[in-house]
Amino acid sequence: MMGWSRLAGESMFVRRLAPQEDKVDLTLVRAEDLEPLARHFGALLGGVHRRGATRIPKRPWTDEDRIELVHRAVALAGAHEAMYLAYCDLSRPK
């Protein structure tokens, strides 16, 4: 249930989520708590990526870098959802 893939020439570790893994139901989170929760999750994820970095960037990210990162994250999330739905379609009983 683990593997690797390439995205834009970069090697990526991937794994299938287990059904028992905790998931966050954002419909149960109050609207005013969504941004702080997203910042918290982002900090956790950023820490994980930082620990896995093979080289340190020479300069901090600019505002433009952050905007581009968000755009790429949205595109990646869309591709992930599309692939998951395609997998579900292919693996359902006919």
N, C-alpha and C. Protein backbone atom coordinates (compact mmCIF):
# COMPACT_ATOMS: atom_id res chain seq x y z
N MET A 1 0.81 -1.20 0.00
CA MET A 1 0.00 0.00 0.00
C MET A 1 0.85 1.27 0.00
N MET A 2 2.14 1.12 -0.28
CA MET A 2 3.02 2.27 -0.39
C MET A 2 3.67 2.23 -1.76
N GLY A 3 4.08 3.36 -2.21
CA GLY A 3 4.73 3.40 -3.51
C GLY A 3 5.35 4.74 -3.75
N TRP A 4 5.65 4.99 -4.98
CA TRP A 4 6.22 6.27 -5.36
C TRP A 4 5.64 6.69 -6.69
N SER A 5 5.75 7.96 -6.95
CA SER A 5 5.26 8.51 -8.19
C SER A 5 6.18 9.67 -8.56
N ARG A 6 6.03 10.17 -9.76
CA ARG A 6 6.78 11.36 -10.18
C ARG A 6 5.76 12.44 -10.54
N LEU A 7 6.03 13.63 -10.07
CA LEU A 7 5.19 14.78 -10.36
C LEU A 7 6.10 15.92 -10.75
N ALA A 8 5.96 16.39 -11.97
CA ALA A 8 6.81 17.48 -12.50
C ALA A 8 8.29 17.15 -12.32
N GLY A 9 8.64 15.88 -12.56
CA GLY A 9 10.03 15.47 -12.48
C GLY A 9 10.54 15.19 -11.08
N GLU A 10 9.70 15.37 -10.06
CA GLU A 10 10.10 15.13 -8.68
C GLU A 10 9.55 13.78 -8.21
N SER A 11 10.37 13.01 -7.52
CA SER A 11 9.94 11.74 -6.95
C SER A 11 9.12 12.01 -5.70
N MET A 12 7.99 11.32 -5.56
CA MET A 12 7.12 11.52 -4.40
C MET A 12 6.76 10.18 -3.79
N PHE A 13 6.81 10.09 -2.47
CA PHE A 13 6.34 8.93 -1.73
C PHE A 13 4.83 9.02 -1.62
N VAL A 14 4.12 7.94 -1.87
CA VAL A 14 2.67 7.94 -1.76
C VAL A 14 2.22 6.71 -0.97
N ARG A 15 1.11 6.84 -0.33
CA ARG A 15 0.54 5.70 0.36
C ARG A 15 -0.98 5.81 0.36
N ARG A 16 -1.61 4.69 0.44
CA ARG A 16 -3.07 4.66 0.47
C ARG A 16 -3.51 4.91 1.91
N LEU A 17 -4.53 5.73 2.07
CA LEU A 17 -5.07 5.98 3.40
C LEU A 17 -5.86 4.77 3.88
N ALA A 18 -5.71 4.45 5.14
CA ALA A 18 -6.45 3.34 5.73
C ALA A 18 -7.82 3.85 6.20
N PRO A 19 -8.85 3.01 6.12
CA PRO A 19 -10.19 3.46 6.52
C PRO A 19 -10.26 3.91 7.98
N GLN A 20 -9.44 3.35 8.83
CA GLN A 20 -9.51 3.69 10.25
C GLN A 20 -8.79 4.98 10.61
N GLU A 21 -8.10 5.59 9.63
CA GLU A 21 -7.39 6.83 9.93
C GLU A 21 -8.39 7.94 10.26
N ASP A 22 -8.03 8.73 11.25
CA ASP A 22 -8.89 9.83 11.65
C ASP A 22 -9.01 10.83 10.52
N LYS A 23 -10.20 11.33 10.35
CA LYS A 23 -10.44 12.34 9.33
C LYS A 23 -11.18 13.49 10.00
N VAL A 24 -11.02 14.66 9.48
CA VAL A 24 -11.67 15.83 10.04
C VAL A 24 -12.92 16.13 9.22
N ASP A 25 -14.05 16.20 9.90
CA ASP A 25 -15.29 16.59 9.23
C ASP A 25 -15.43 18.10 9.38
N LEU A 26 -15.05 18.82 8.33
CA LEU A 26 -15.05 20.27 8.41
C LEU A 26 -16.45 20.86 8.54
N THR A 27 -17.47 20.08 8.26
CA THR A 27 -18.83 20.60 8.44
C THR A 27 -19.17 20.76 9.92
N LEU A 28 -18.38 20.12 10.78
CA LEU A 28 -18.61 20.23 12.23
C LEU A 28 -17.79 21.34 12.87
N VAL A 29 -16.95 22.00 12.09
CA VAL A 29 -16.10 23.07 12.60
C VAL A 29 -16.79 24.41 12.36
N ARG A 30 -16.84 25.24 13.39
CA ARG A 30 -17.45 26.56 13.25
C ARG A 30 -16.68 27.38 12.23
N ALA A 31 -17.37 28.23 11.49
CA ALA A 31 -16.76 29.02 10.43
C ALA A 31 -15.57 29.84 10.94
N GLU A 32 -15.70 30.41 12.12
CA GLU A 32 -14.60 31.25 12.65
C GLU A 32 -13.38 30.42 13.07
N ASP A 33 -13.54 29.11 13.18
CA ASP A 33 -12.43 28.23 13.56
C ASP A 33 -11.73 27.61 12.36
N LEU A 34 -12.27 27.80 11.16
CA LEU A 34 -11.68 27.16 9.98
C LEU A 34 -10.28 27.70 9.65
N GLU A 35 -10.13 29.02 9.67
CA GLU A 35 -8.81 29.58 9.33
C GLU A 35 -7.75 29.17 10.34
N PRO A 36 -8.00 29.29 11.66
CA PRO A 36 -6.98 28.83 12.61
C PRO A 36 -6.67 27.33 12.46
N LEU A 37 -7.68 26.53 12.16
CA LEU A 37 -7.45 25.10 11.96
C LEU A 37 -6.59 24.86 10.72
N ALA A 38 -6.88 25.59 9.64
CA ALA A 38 -6.08 25.45 8.42
C ALA A 38 -4.64 25.88 8.67
N ARG A 39 -4.44 26.94 9.44
CA ARG A 39 -3.08 27.39 9.76
C ARG A 39 -2.35 26.34 10.60
N HIS A 40 -3.06 25.74 11.55
CA HIS A 40 -2.46 24.69 12.39
C HIS A 40 -2.05 23.49 11.54
N PHE A 41 -2.97 23.01 10.70
CA PHE A 41 -2.65 21.87 9.84
C PHE A 41 -1.51 22.22 8.88
N GLY A 42 -1.53 23.45 8.36
CA GLY A 42 -0.46 23.88 7.48
C GLY A 42 0.88 23.89 8.18
N ALA A 43 0.90 24.34 9.44
CA ALA A 43 2.15 24.34 10.20
C ALA A 43 2.64 22.92 10.44
N LEU A 44 1.73 22.01 10.77
CA LEU A 44 2.11 20.61 10.96
C LEU A 44 2.70 20.03 9.68
N LEU A 45 2.01 20.24 8.58
CA LEU A 45 2.48 19.72 7.29
C LEU A 45 3.79 20.37 6.88
N GLY A 46 3.90 21.67 7.10
CA GLY A 46 5.15 22.37 6.78
C GLY A 46 6.32 21.81 7.57
N GLY A 47 6.08 21.49 8.84
CA GLY A 47 7.14 20.90 9.67
C GLY A 47 7.59 19.55 9.14
N VAL A 48 6.63 18.75 8.70
CA VAL A 48 6.96 17.44 8.13
C VAL A 48 7.80 17.61 6.86
N HIS A 49 7.38 18.50 6.00
CA HIS A 49 8.12 18.74 4.76
C HIS A 49 9.51 19.31 5.05
N ARG A 50 9.60 20.17 6.03
CA ARG A 50 10.89 20.77 6.38
C ARG A 50 11.86 19.68 6.86
N ARG A 51 11.37 18.76 7.68
CA ARG A 51 12.24 17.68 8.17
C ARG A 51 12.68 16.78 7.03
N GLY A 52 11.89 16.69 5.98
CA GLY A 52 12.25 15.84 4.85
C GLY A 52 13.03 16.55 3.76
N ALA A 53 13.28 17.85 3.95
CA ALA A 53 13.97 18.63 2.92
C ALA A 53 15.40 18.12 2.73
N THR A 54 15.82 18.08 1.49
CA THR A 54 17.19 17.67 1.19
C THR A 54 18.12 18.86 1.07
N ARG A 55 17.55 20.05 0.93
CA ARG A 55 18.37 21.27 0.90
C ARG A 55 17.52 22.43 1.41
N ILE A 56 18.16 23.37 2.02
CA ILE A 56 17.48 24.54 2.58
C ILE A 56 17.41 25.62 1.50
N PRO A 57 16.24 26.24 1.31
CA PRO A 57 16.15 27.34 0.33
C PRO A 57 17.11 28.47 0.70
N LYS A 58 17.60 29.16 -0.30
CA LYS A 58 18.55 30.26 -0.08
C LYS A 58 17.88 31.52 0.43
N ARG A 59 16.58 31.62 0.23
CA ARG A 59 15.87 32.82 0.67
C ARG A 59 14.47 32.43 1.15
N PRO A 60 13.88 33.22 2.04
CA PRO A 60 12.49 32.94 2.47
C PRO A 60 11.52 33.12 1.30
N TRP A 61 10.37 32.49 1.40
CA TRP A 61 9.36 32.63 0.36
C TRP A 61 8.83 34.06 0.33
N THR A 62 8.59 34.54 -0.87
CA THR A 62 7.95 35.85 -1.05
C THR A 62 6.44 35.66 -1.05
N ASP A 63 5.71 36.78 -1.03
CA ASP A 63 4.25 36.69 -1.14
C ASP A 63 3.86 36.03 -2.45
N GLU A 64 4.59 36.33 -3.53
CA GLU A 64 4.30 35.72 -4.83
C GLU A 64 4.53 34.20 -4.78
N ASP A 65 5.59 33.78 -4.07
CA ASP A 65 5.85 32.35 -3.90
C ASP A 65 4.68 31.67 -3.20
N ARG A 66 4.18 32.31 -2.16
CA ARG A 66 3.06 31.74 -1.39
C ARG A 66 1.80 31.63 -2.24
N ILE A 67 1.54 32.66 -3.04
CA ILE A 67 0.37 32.64 -3.92
C ILE A 67 0.50 31.49 -4.92
N GLU A 68 1.68 31.34 -5.52
CA GLU A 68 1.92 30.25 -6.46
C GLU A 68 1.76 28.89 -5.78
N LEU A 69 2.23 28.78 -4.55
CA LEU A 69 2.10 27.53 -3.81
C LEU A 69 0.64 27.15 -3.60
N VAL A 70 -0.18 28.14 -3.25
CA VAL A 70 -1.61 27.88 -3.07
C VAL A 70 -2.24 27.42 -4.38
N HIS A 71 -1.90 28.07 -5.48
CA HIS A 71 -2.44 27.68 -6.78
C HIS A 71 -2.05 26.23 -7.12
N ARG A 72 -0.79 25.89 -6.85
CA ARG A 72 -0.34 24.53 -7.13
C ARG A 72 -1.02 23.52 -6.21
N ALA A 73 -1.23 23.90 -4.95
CA ALA A 73 -1.91 23.01 -4.01
C ALA A 73 -3.34 22.74 -4.46
N VAL A 74 -4.02 23.76 -4.93
CA VAL A 74 -5.39 23.59 -5.43
C VAL A 74 -5.40 22.65 -6.63
N ALA A 75 -4.46 22.85 -7.56
CA ALA A 75 -4.38 21.97 -8.73
C ALA A 75 -4.07 20.54 -8.32
N LEU A 76 -3.15 20.36 -7.39
CA LEU A 76 -2.80 19.02 -6.92
C LEU A 76 -3.97 18.35 -6.23
N ALA A 77 -4.70 19.10 -5.41
CA ALA A 77 -5.87 18.55 -4.73
C ALA A 77 -6.93 18.12 -5.75
N GLY A 78 -7.10 18.92 -6.79
CA GLY A 78 -8.06 18.56 -7.85
C GLY A 78 -7.63 17.31 -8.59
N ALA A 79 -6.34 17.21 -8.89
CA ALA A 79 -5.84 16.00 -9.57
C ALA A 79 -5.99 14.78 -8.68
N HIS A 80 -5.71 14.94 -7.39
CA HIS A 80 -5.85 13.83 -6.45
C HIS A 80 -7.30 13.36 -6.39
N GLU A 81 -8.22 14.29 -6.28
CA GLU A 81 -9.64 13.93 -6.23
C GLU A 81 -10.08 13.24 -7.51
N ALA A 82 -9.64 13.76 -8.66
CA ALA A 82 -10.00 13.15 -9.94
C ALA A 82 -9.47 11.72 -10.04
N MET A 83 -8.23 11.51 -9.62
CA MET A 83 -7.65 10.16 -9.69
C MET A 83 -8.36 9.22 -8.73
N TYR A 84 -8.70 9.71 -7.56
CA TYR A 84 -9.42 8.87 -6.59
C TYR A 84 -10.78 8.46 -7.14
N LEU A 85 -11.49 9.41 -7.73
CA LEU A 85 -12.80 9.09 -8.29
C LEU A 85 -12.68 8.12 -9.47
N ALA A 86 -11.65 8.29 -10.29
CA ALA A 86 -11.41 7.35 -11.39
C ALA A 86 -11.11 5.96 -10.83
N TYR A 87 -10.29 5.89 -9.78
CA TYR A 87 -9.99 4.60 -9.14
C TYR A 87 -11.28 3.96 -8.62
N CYS A 88 -12.12 4.74 -7.95
CA CYS A 88 -13.38 4.21 -7.44
C CYS A 88 -14.24 3.67 -8.58
N ASP A 89 -14.28 4.40 -9.68
CA ASP A 89 -15.08 3.97 -10.83
C ASP A 89 -14.53 2.67 -11.41
N LEU A 90 -13.22 2.57 -11.52
CA LEU A 90 -12.60 1.35 -12.09
C LEU A 90 -12.72 0.15 -11.17
N SER A 91 -12.76 0.37 -9.87
CA SER A 91 -12.75 -0.76 -8.95
C SER A 91 -14.12 -1.16 -8.45
N ARG A 92 -15.16 -0.46 -8.87
CA ARG A 92 -16.50 -0.85 -8.41
C ARG A 92 -16.99 -2.06 -9.19
N PRO A 93 -17.81 -2.88 -8.54
CA PRO A 93 -18.36 -4.04 -9.26
C PRO A 93 -19.21 -3.61 -10.44
N LYS A 94 -19.06 -4.32 -11.52
CA LYS A 94 -19.81 -3.99 -12.75
C LYS A 94 -21.12 -4.75 -12.77
